[in-house]
Amino acid sequence: HSSMVGEGFPVRASGFLVAKELNAFAKVLDKPARPVLAILGGAKVSDKILLIDNLLDKVDKMIIGGGMAFTFQKVLKGMDIG
């Protein structure tokens, strides 16, 4: 993994798995088979706001889980989070 051992090497490259993931994303984003469901998770909404905004008009439904869900609950429903 580059973040662990890639530092200091003169040549850097992504692997075949990254290419496979990019191809999968292209299929979903360019000509998706409907319905499309996006499931997002994680802790920091600030890191994913652009992704969420870009996906809203491309998906039929979006599920937000993980720590981000609590941020949305706080904003949308006034829920105390801690």
Protein backbone atom coordinates (compact mmCIF):
# COMPACT_ATOMS: atom_id res chain seq x y z
CA HIS A 1 0.00 0.00 0.00
CA SER A 2 1.49 3.29 -1.09
CA SER A 3 0.68 5.14 2.11
CA MET A 4 2.77 2.60 4.02
CA VAL A 5 5.64 1.69 1.71
CA GLY A 6 5.38 3.90 -1.38
CA GLU A 7 7.25 6.86 0.03
CA GLY A 8 10.65 7.51 -1.45
CA PHE A 9 10.28 5.38 -4.58
CA PRO A 10 10.90 7.14 -7.91
CA VAL A 11 8.05 5.38 -9.74
CA ARG A 12 4.48 5.26 -8.41
CA ALA A 13 1.51 3.53 -10.00
CA SER A 14 -1.95 2.34 -9.13
CA GLY A 15 -2.78 -1.33 -9.34
CA PHE A 16 -5.28 -3.35 -11.30
CA LEU A 17 -7.82 -3.18 -8.47
CA VAL A 18 -7.98 0.62 -8.77
CA ALA A 19 -8.58 0.29 -12.52
CA LYS A 20 -11.34 -2.25 -11.85
CA GLU A 21 -12.98 0.08 -9.31
CA LEU A 22 -12.82 3.04 -11.71
CA ASN A 23 -14.45 0.94 -14.46
CA ALA A 24 -17.22 -0.09 -12.07
CA PHE A 25 -17.84 3.53 -11.06
CA ALA A 26 -17.92 4.62 -14.71
CA LYS A 27 -20.63 2.06 -15.50
CA VAL A 28 -22.80 3.27 -12.63
CA LEU A 29 -22.26 6.97 -13.24
CA ASP A 30 -22.38 7.03 -17.05
CA LYS A 31 -25.26 4.68 -17.88
CA PRO A 32 -26.64 3.14 -14.71
CA ALA A 33 -29.17 0.33 -14.65
CA ARG A 34 -32.08 1.70 -12.64
CA PRO A 35 -32.82 1.83 -9.78
CA VAL A 36 -29.49 3.03 -8.35
CA LEU A 37 -28.85 2.98 -4.60
CA ALA A 38 -25.80 4.69 -3.11
CA ILE A 39 -24.66 3.61 0.35
CA LEU A 40 -22.20 5.97 2.01
CA GLY A 41 -20.58 5.78 5.40
CA GLY A 42 -17.77 7.18 7.42
CA ALA A 43 -17.28 9.76 10.07
CA LYS A 44 -16.54 13.05 8.36
CA VAL A 45 -19.32 14.63 6.34
CA SER A 46 -16.99 17.45 5.32
CA ASP A 47 -14.83 14.96 3.39
CA LYS A 48 -17.84 13.64 1.47
CA ILE A 49 -20.04 16.70 0.85
CA LEU A 50 -18.90 17.05 -2.77
CA LEU A 51 -19.42 13.34 -3.39
CA ILE A 52 -22.91 13.45 -1.88
CA ASP A 53 -23.80 16.55 -3.89
CA ASN A 54 -22.56 14.99 -7.13
CA LEU A 55 -24.41 11.73 -6.53
CA LEU A 56 -27.79 13.23 -5.63
CA ASP A 57 -28.92 13.68 -9.23
CA LYS A 58 -27.46 10.32 -10.32
CA VAL A 59 -29.05 7.98 -7.79
CA ASP A 60 -32.62 7.07 -6.98
CA LYS A 61 -32.00 6.53 -3.26
CA MET A 62 -29.11 7.26 -0.92
CA ILE A 63 -28.41 5.66 2.44
CA ILE A 64 -26.04 7.47 4.76
CA GLY A 65 -24.69 5.44 7.66
CA GLY A 66 -21.82 5.48 10.08
CA GLY A 67 -20.83 8.60 11.94
CA MET A 68 -22.18 10.78 9.13
CA ALA A 69 -25.71 9.65 9.90
CA PHE A 70 -25.60 11.33 13.29
CA THR A 71 -24.55 14.65 11.74
CA PHE A 72 -27.56 14.52 9.43
CA GLN A 73 -29.85 13.58 12.34
CA LYS A 74 -28.58 16.58 14.30
CA VAL A 75 -29.13 19.01 11.42
CA LEU A 76 -32.42 17.63 10.09
CA LYS A 77 -34.14 16.58 13.33
CA GLY A 78 -32.34 18.53 16.03
CA MET A 79 -31.21 15.29 17.64
CA ASP A 80 -28.61 15.59 20.39
CA ILE A 81 -25.43 13.77 19.52
CA GLY A 82 -22.52 13.28 21.68
